[in-house]
Amino acid sequence: HDAGCQVTLAAMNTSKHYTEVNALPEKFRRLADLHTSFVDNKVRPLGAFLNLFSKQSYHISRFITPGFKQLLGDLLEAKKFDLVIFDNLFTAPYVDFVRSRTSAKLLLRQHNVEYKIWTSLAENTGNPVKKRYIKLLASRLEAFEKHQLNAFDGIIALTKQDKADFEQMGCTKPIHVSPVGIELNNTVSKSKPLPKSVFHLGAMDWQPNQQAMQWFVDQVWPKVAQKDAGATFYMAGKKMPQEFYNHQSKTIKIVGEVDDAVSFMQTHRIMVVPLFAGSGIRVKILEGMALGKPVITTSLGIRGIEHEPGKNVLVADTADEFCQCIELLLNNPLLCDALGAEARKLVEKEYSNKGVTGRLLQFCKEEIL
């Protein structure tokens, strides 16, 4: 919108992430001509069981509905578009339908290498029956993902690693690396955060986050709290599973969903993101960096983000390494400030909305349109 494009947004309003459209900020609705269609994508035991006798990916089939197809058809009949961007793999089943009704070029903005997330989750699942089922889901998702990559005129990847993965998967279409853009108007808070506060903020209905937090409260935080009784860990995020509230204690505060993510991050000191599954790019890490927060994450968590370990982020892959990094920052306020300042500089240079958008539009003009 800021670059002069006329934007129309056709959105699935899913049962899993249902949003009252009228409650959206006025600015959001002003940026695009917004149209929504309800999609019931709930995971149901019977549907999951019956899918075993199908070759279709259960991940994908839950997003195929006549209502959303009708919405797309109406928009394509009413308007002429230059470019249609399919945002994530779960919109990809509609590519043939859209192509049959428009001369616009079609791009897939692929957030992750989706099947790799589920492959990682299967590897970290102890229950053998559940492990086998998740592996089956991952293999079907992989087949769908590989097939769809060449159905578009181009691919938008979020990281260089994802681009390399897509090429290895057989993608022959132009691929542009376009990371998540960050709005830099939110300046670093001048108020002091809570001393010795450590926090995690992320969607808690996403399995990699659930896995990460369970590992952190079981393997990492008890060791930190034993060495520093004054430290407190704050866990926040929408749709917090009930079992995490059982960890509430003097040193662990389960916050749940917050009204203002920026204010929450500004209030706390050290950000931890102990991810062991997933691909793509972690938006919350970039948001934390933009706010000048010192971040501790895994090699996988920081993958896709330009960084220098020890300068603008700390990287830890074991419980002991996480403990050491947290203790280092708890006892060195100046190091916290220095890491946060360098993190902010990195975001300003590489991840501002204006720069990301400009590079994407240039790619479209040169390679796609």
Protein backbone atom coordinates (compact mmCIF):
# COMPACT_ATOMS: atom_id res chain seq x y z
CA HIS A 1 0.00 0.00 0.00
CA ASP A 2 2.75 2.45 0.94
CA ALA A 3 4.56 1.62 -2.32
CA GLY A 4 1.49 2.60 -4.38
CA CYS A 5 -0.07 -0.83 -4.96
CA GLN A 6 -3.83 -1.38 -4.84
CA VAL A 7 -4.26 -4.34 -2.50
CA THR A 8 -7.17 -6.76 -2.29
CA LEU A 9 -7.08 -9.38 0.46
CA ALA A 10 -9.11 -12.59 0.27
CA ALA A 11 -8.72 -14.26 3.66
CA MET A 12 -9.80 -17.56 5.12
CA ASN A 13 -11.31 -16.77 8.50
CA THR A 14 -10.66 -20.14 10.10
CA SER A 15 -12.26 -21.71 13.12
CA LYS A 16 -8.79 -22.20 14.61
CA HIS A 17 -7.85 -18.50 14.34
CA TYR A 18 -11.26 -16.88 14.00
CA THR A 19 -11.25 -13.08 13.96
CA GLU A 20 -14.11 -10.62 14.26
CA VAL A 21 -13.47 -8.58 11.12
CA ASN A 22 -15.25 -5.51 12.47
CA ALA A 23 -12.90 -5.56 15.45
CA LEU A 24 -9.79 -5.20 13.28
CA PRO A 25 -7.97 -1.86 13.60
CA GLU A 26 -9.22 0.76 11.16
CA LYS A 27 -5.71 1.10 9.73
CA PHE A 28 -5.68 -2.58 8.77
CA ARG A 29 -8.99 -2.34 6.91
CA ARG A 30 -7.88 0.86 5.20
CA LEU A 31 -4.76 -0.74 3.71
CA ALA A 32 -6.63 -3.35 1.68
CA ASP A 33 -10.00 -4.17 0.18
CA LEU A 34 -10.72 -6.98 2.64
CA HIS A 35 -12.92 -9.99 1.94
CA THR A 36 -13.24 -13.03 4.20
CA SER A 37 -14.79 -16.49 4.05
CA PHE A 38 -15.28 -18.78 7.05
CA VAL A 39 -13.32 -22.04 6.87
CA ASP A 40 -13.92 -24.77 9.46
CA ASN A 41 -10.42 -26.26 9.74
CA LYS A 42 -10.78 -27.93 13.13
CA VAL A 43 -8.87 -31.17 13.58
CA ARG A 44 -11.46 -33.88 14.22
CA PRO A 45 -10.59 -37.43 15.33
CA LEU A 46 -12.99 -39.02 12.82
CA GLY A 47 -11.70 -36.90 9.95
CA ALA A 48 -8.10 -37.67 10.87
CA PHE A 49 -8.89 -41.39 11.05
CA LEU A 50 -10.74 -41.51 7.72
CA ASN A 51 -7.89 -39.63 6.09
CA LEU A 52 -5.70 -42.69 6.73
CA PHE A 53 -7.57 -44.37 3.87
CA SER A 54 -6.92 -41.45 1.52
CA LYS A 55 -3.79 -40.27 -0.25
CA GLN A 56 -4.63 -36.63 0.42
CA SER A 57 -2.72 -34.54 2.97
CA TYR A 58 -4.93 -33.98 6.02
CA HIS A 59 -3.06 -30.73 6.68
CA ILE A 60 -4.19 -29.37 3.31
CA SER A 61 -7.66 -30.88 2.90
CA ARG A 62 -8.98 -28.99 5.94
CA PHE A 63 -8.56 -25.71 4.02
CA ILE A 64 -10.52 -26.67 0.89
CA THR A 65 -14.08 -25.27 0.99
CA PRO A 66 -16.68 -24.24 -1.62
CA GLY A 67 -17.22 -20.92 0.16
CA PHE A 68 -13.65 -19.70 -0.23
CA LYS A 69 -13.54 -20.92 -3.83
CA GLN A 70 -16.70 -18.91 -4.52
CA LEU A 71 -15.15 -15.81 -2.93
CA LEU A 72 -12.10 -16.11 -5.17
CA GLY A 73 -14.28 -16.57 -8.25
CA ASP A 74 -16.34 -13.48 -7.44
CA LEU A 75 -13.26 -11.30 -6.92
CA LEU A 76 -11.55 -12.51 -10.09
CA GLU A 77 -14.71 -11.77 -12.09
CA ALA A 78 -15.15 -8.31 -10.57
CA LYS A 79 -11.53 -7.08 -10.76
CA LYS A 80 -8.48 -7.31 -12.99
CA PHE A 81 -5.26 -8.15 -11.16
CA ASP A 82 -1.60 -7.97 -12.19
CA LEU A 83 -0.36 -10.26 -9.44
CA VAL A 84 -1.93 -12.78 -7.08
CA ILE A 85 0.14 -13.80 -4.07
CA PHE A 86 -0.87 -17.05 -2.37
CA ASP A 87 0.17 -16.59 1.24
CA ASN A 88 1.40 -19.99 2.51
CA LEU A 89 0.98 -23.55 1.30
CA PHE A 90 -2.57 -23.94 2.66
CA THR A 91 -3.91 -21.59 -0.05
CA ALA A 92 -2.15 -23.57 -2.81
CA PRO A 93 -5.05 -25.99 -3.57
CA TYR A 94 -6.78 -23.07 -5.31
CA VAL A 95 -3.98 -22.32 -7.79
CA ASP A 96 -5.53 -24.11 -10.78
CA PHE A 97 -8.90 -22.49 -10.16
CA VAL A 98 -7.36 -19.00 -9.96
CA ARG A 99 -5.19 -19.53 -13.03
CA SER A 100 -8.24 -20.55 -15.08
CA ARG A 101 -9.90 -17.22 -14.31
CA THR A 102 -7.14 -14.61 -14.56
CA SER A 103 -4.14 -13.65 -16.68
CA ALA A 104 -2.38 -12.37 -13.54
CA LYS A 105 0.95 -13.87 -12.54
CA LEU A 106 0.77 -16.15 -9.53
CA LEU A 107 3.29 -16.25 -6.68
CA LEU A 108 3.47 -18.54 -3.64
CA ARG A 109 4.78 -16.89 -0.48
CA GLN A 110 5.96 -19.94 1.41
CA HIS A 111 6.46 -19.30 5.14
CA ASN A 112 8.32 -22.55 5.86
CA VAL A 113 9.34 -25.81 4.34
CA GLU A 114 6.17 -27.16 5.91
CA TYR A 115 6.84 -30.88 5.79
CA LYS A 116 10.16 -30.43 7.61
CA ILE A 117 8.33 -29.04 10.65
CA TRP A 118 6.29 -32.22 10.94
CA THR A 119 9.26 -34.44 10.23
CA SER A 120 11.07 -32.78 13.15
CA LEU A 121 8.03 -33.15 15.39
CA ALA A 122 7.83 -36.86 14.55
CA GLU A 123 11.48 -37.35 15.44
CA ASN A 124 10.91 -35.73 18.84
CA THR A 125 7.74 -37.71 19.63
CA GLY A 126 8.14 -40.55 22.12
CA ASN A 127 4.83 -42.37 21.60
CA PRO A 128 5.55 -44.88 18.78
CA VAL A 129 1.96 -44.88 17.45
CA LYS A 130 1.80 -41.10 17.39
CA LYS A 131 5.28 -40.95 15.85
CA ARG A 132 4.21 -43.24 13.00
CA TYR A 133 1.05 -41.22 12.36
CA ILE A 134 2.92 -37.88 12.28
CA LYS A 135 5.49 -39.38 9.89
CA LEU A 136 2.63 -40.37 7.57
CA LEU A 137 1.23 -36.83 7.72
CA ALA A 138 4.69 -35.41 6.99
CA SER A 139 5.24 -37.67 3.98
CA ARG A 140 1.89 -36.71 2.43
CA LEU A 141 2.56 -33.03 3.10
CA GLU A 142 5.99 -33.39 1.48
CA ALA A 143 4.48 -34.89 -1.68
CA PHE A 144 1.94 -32.07 -1.95
CA GLU A 145 4.53 -29.38 -1.25
CA LYS A 146 6.95 -30.66 -3.89
CA HIS A 147 4.19 -30.91 -6.47
CA GLN A 148 2.92 -27.36 -5.88
CA LEU A 149 6.22 -25.49 -6.09
CA ASN A 150 6.24 -25.49 -9.90
CA ALA A 151 2.52 -24.70 -10.21
CA PHE A 152 3.27 -21.00 -9.67
CA ASP A 153 5.13 -18.38 -11.71
CA GLY A 154 7.51 -17.74 -8.83
CA ILE A 155 8.16 -18.42 -5.16
CA ILE A 156 8.74 -15.99 -2.29
CA ALA A 157 10.90 -17.66 0.37
CA LEU A 158 11.53 -16.14 3.78
CA THR A 159 15.13 -17.35 4.13
CA LYS A 160 18.11 -18.33 2.01
CA GLN A 161 18.00 -21.79 3.54
CA ASP A 162 14.37 -22.24 2.51
CA LYS A 163 15.27 -21.14 -1.02
CA ALA A 164 18.00 -23.77 -1.16
CA ASP A 165 15.56 -26.38 0.17
CA PHE A 166 12.94 -25.49 -2.45
CA GLU A 167 15.54 -25.80 -5.21
CA GLN A 168 16.62 -29.17 -3.83
CA MET A 169 12.95 -30.22 -3.82
CA GLY A 170 12.85 -29.63 -7.58
CA CYS A 171 11.58 -26.05 -7.88
CA THR A 172 12.58 -24.56 -11.26
CA LYS A 173 10.69 -21.27 -10.93
CA PRO A 174 12.31 -17.95 -9.91
CA ILE A 175 12.70 -17.69 -6.14
CA HIS A 176 13.06 -14.42 -4.24
CA VAL A 177 14.17 -14.32 -0.61
CA SER A 178 11.95 -11.81 1.17
CA PRO A 179 12.12 -11.95 4.97
CA VAL A 180 9.38 -10.68 7.23
CA GLY A 181 9.38 -6.90 7.34
CA ILE A 182 9.30 -5.07 10.67
CA GLU A 183 7.60 -1.73 11.30
CA LEU A 184 10.26 0.37 12.98
CA ASN A 185 7.98 3.12 14.26
CA ASN A 186 7.83 1.29 17.58
CA THR A 187 10.88 2.79 19.25
CA VAL A 188 12.88 1.18 22.00
CA SER A 189 11.26 1.94 25.35
CA LYS A 190 13.09 4.38 27.60
CA SER A 191 11.56 2.84 30.72
CA LYS A 192 13.56 0.17 32.49
CA PRO A 193 12.35 -3.44 32.16
CA LEU A 194 11.77 -5.62 35.20
CA PRO A 195 15.16 -6.62 36.59
CA LYS A 196 16.22 -10.25 36.11
CA SER A 197 13.14 -10.98 34.01
CA VAL A 198 13.31 -13.60 31.24
CA PHE A 199 10.44 -14.05 28.80
CA HIS A 200 9.03 -16.03 25.90
CA LEU A 201 6.22 -14.75 23.65
CA GLY A 202 4.71 -16.88 20.91
CA ALA A 203 1.54 -18.53 19.65
CA MET A 204 1.04 -21.44 22.02
CA ASP A 205 -1.25 -23.40 19.71
CA TRP A 206 1.80 -23.99 17.47
CA GLN A 207 3.34 -27.34 18.35
CA PRO A 208 7.02 -26.30 18.00
CA ASN A 209 6.39 -23.58 20.61
CA GLN A 210 4.67 -26.04 22.94
CA GLN A 211 7.57 -28.45 22.57
CA ALA A 212 10.10 -25.67 23.14
CA MET A 213 8.42 -24.37 26.30
CA GLN A 214 7.94 -27.81 27.82
CA TRP A 215 11.65 -28.47 27.33
CA PHE A 216 12.57 -25.06 28.75
CA VAL A 217 10.53 -25.34 31.96
CA ASP A 218 11.65 -28.94 32.50
CA GLN A 219 15.33 -28.80 31.54
CA VAL A 220 16.51 -25.19 31.75
CA TRP A 221 14.60 -23.00 34.18
CA PRO A 222 15.00 -25.17 37.31
CA LYS A 223 18.79 -24.85 36.95
CA VAL A 224 18.58 -21.08 36.42
CA ALA A 225 16.27 -20.57 39.41
CA GLN A 226 18.52 -22.68 41.62
CA LYS A 227 21.51 -20.46 40.88
CA ASP A 228 19.64 -17.13 40.91
CA ALA A 229 16.59 -17.01 43.18
CA GLY A 230 15.82 -13.47 42.02
CA ALA A 231 15.22 -14.45 38.39
CA THR A 232 11.65 -14.77 37.05
CA PHE A 233 10.46 -16.37 33.82
CA TYR A 234 7.34 -15.01 32.07
CA MET A 235 5.61 -17.19 29.47
CA ALA A 236 3.07 -15.43 27.23
CA GLY A 237 1.13 -16.26 24.09
CA LYS A 238 -2.35 -16.81 22.75
CA LYS A 239 -4.17 -20.12 23.32
CA MET A 240 -1.92 -21.21 26.16
CA PRO A 241 -2.51 -24.95 26.84
CA GLN A 242 -3.98 -25.51 30.29
CA GLU A 243 -1.18 -27.85 31.37
CA PHE A 244 1.36 -25.01 31.32
CA TYR A 245 -0.50 -23.27 34.16
CA ASN A 246 0.58 -26.19 36.35
CA HIS A 247 4.11 -24.72 36.19
CA GLN A 248 3.01 -21.44 37.81
CA SER A 249 5.32 -20.73 40.76
CA LYS A 250 7.31 -18.04 42.51
CA THR A 251 9.82 -17.97 39.64
CA ILE A 252 7.55 -18.94 36.69
CA LYS A 253 4.65 -16.69 35.69
CA ILE A 254 2.25 -18.02 33.03
CA VAL A 255 0.81 -14.87 31.49
CA GLY A 256 -1.23 -16.28 28.59
CA GLU A 257 -2.43 -13.96 25.84
CA VAL A 258 -1.37 -10.32 26.11
CA ASP A 259 -3.24 -7.29 24.78
CA ASP A 260 -0.11 -5.51 23.59
CA ALA A 261 2.89 -7.61 22.53
CA VAL A 262 5.17 -4.58 22.23
CA SER A 263 4.40 -3.39 25.77
CA PHE A 264 4.93 -6.91 27.12
CA MET A 265 8.35 -7.20 25.49
CA GLN A 266 9.34 -3.71 26.60
CA THR A 267 8.44 -4.61 30.19
CA HIS A 268 10.79 -7.59 30.32
CA ARG A 269 14.53 -7.97 29.93
CA ILE A 270 15.83 -11.14 28.23
CA MET A 271 14.05 -12.98 25.41
CA VAL A 272 14.40 -16.76 25.01
CA VAL A 273 13.31 -18.72 21.91
CA PRO A 274 14.42 -22.38 22.34
CA LEU A 275 13.06 -23.80 19.07
CA PHE A 276 14.01 -27.27 17.86
CA ALA A 277 11.45 -27.69 15.03
CA GLY A 278 10.37 -25.49 12.14
CA SER A 279 11.86 -23.56 9.25
CA GLY A 280 11.23 -20.14 7.76
CA ILE A 281 11.93 -17.11 9.92
CA ARG A 282 10.89 -16.37 13.49
CA VAL A 283 8.97 -13.10 13.46
CA LYS A 284 8.96 -12.72 17.23
CA ILE A 285 12.77 -12.81 17.28
CA LEU A 286 12.89 -9.93 14.80
CA GLU A 287 10.28 -8.02 16.80
CA GLY A 288 12.30 -8.50 19.96
CA MET A 289 15.48 -7.39 18.22
CA ALA A 290 13.69 -4.31 16.85
CA LEU A 291 12.83 -3.39 20.44
CA GLY A 292 16.45 -3.76 21.49
CA LYS A 293 16.00 -6.99 23.44
CA PRO A 294 18.92 -9.38 24.01
CA VAL A 295 17.80 -12.70 22.48
CA ILE A 296 18.91 -16.23 23.31
CA THR A 297 17.81 -18.83 20.77
CA THR A 298 18.86 -22.06 19.10
CA SER A 299 20.76 -22.50 15.85
CA LEU A 300 17.45 -23.44 14.25
CA GLY A 301 15.60 -20.51 15.84
CA ILE A 302 18.01 -17.92 14.41
CA ARG A 303 18.28 -19.64 11.03
CA GLY A 304 17.24 -17.33 8.23
CA ILE A 305 18.12 -14.19 10.21
CA GLU A 306 21.40 -12.47 9.43
CA HIS A 307 23.31 -12.45 12.70
CA GLU A 308 26.66 -12.57 14.47
CA PRO A 309 26.64 -14.79 17.59
CA GLY A 310 27.90 -12.90 20.60
CA LYS A 311 27.38 -9.53 18.89
CA ASN A 312 23.64 -9.24 18.28
CA VAL A 313 22.32 -12.58 19.57
CA LEU A 314 23.36 -15.48 21.80
CA VAL A 315 22.98 -19.01 20.38
CA ALA A 316 22.48 -22.06 22.61
CA ASP A 317 21.48 -25.60 21.65
CA THR A 318 21.58 -27.50 24.95
CA ALA A 319 20.08 -26.97 28.38
CA ASP A 320 23.49 -26.20 29.87
CA GLU A 321 24.26 -23.67 27.13
CA PHE A 322 20.91 -21.94 27.69
CA CYS A 323 21.57 -21.78 31.43
CA GLN A 324 25.03 -20.30 30.88
CA CYS A 325 23.71 -17.65 28.47
CA ILE A 326 20.85 -16.66 30.78
CA GLU A 327 23.15 -16.42 33.79
CA LEU A 328 25.63 -14.36 31.76
CA LEU A 329 22.97 -11.81 30.85
CA LEU A 330 21.33 -11.76 34.29
CA ASN A 331 24.66 -10.75 35.78
CA ASN A 332 25.77 -8.34 33.03
CA PRO A 333 23.29 -5.49 32.39
CA LEU A 334 25.79 -3.72 30.13
CA LEU A 335 26.07 -6.81 27.93
CA CYS A 336 22.27 -6.92 27.73
CA ASP A 337 22.23 -3.33 26.53
CA ALA A 338 25.02 -3.91 24.01
CA LEU A 339 23.39 -7.02 22.49
CA GLY A 340 20.05 -5.24 22.27
CA ALA A 341 21.53 -2.16 20.60
CA GLU A 342 23.31 -4.27 17.97
CA ALA A 343 20.14 -6.29 17.38
CA ARG A 344 18.19 -3.09 16.70
CA LYS A 345 20.85 -1.94 14.21
CA LEU A 346 20.60 -5.26 12.38
CA VAL A 347 16.81 -4.96 11.99
CA GLU A 348 17.09 -1.37 10.78
CA LYS A 349 19.56 -2.43 8.10
CA GLU A 350 18.05 -5.70 6.83
CA TYR A 351 14.41 -6.03 7.90
CA SER A 352 12.58 -2.70 7.65
CA ASN A 353 9.21 -2.92 5.89
CA LYS A 354 10.21 -0.31 3.34
CA GLY A 355 13.36 -2.14 2.27
CA VAL A 356 11.74 -5.59 2.17
CA THR A 357 8.79 -4.31 0.10
CA GLY A 358 11.01 -2.43 -2.35
CA ARG A 359 13.16 -5.49 -3.07
CA LEU A 360 10.10 -7.71 -3.54
CA LEU A 361 8.46 -5.34 -6.04
CA GLN A 362 11.72 -5.04 -7.96
CA PHE A 363 11.89 -8.85 -8.23
CA CYS A 364 8.32 -8.95 -9.53
CA LYS A 365 9.02 -6.32 -12.18
CA GLU A 366 12.25 -7.96 -13.37
CA GLU A 367 11.42 -11.67 -13.08
CA ILE A 368 7.65 -12.17 -13.01
CA LEU A 369 5.54 -9.46 -14.68
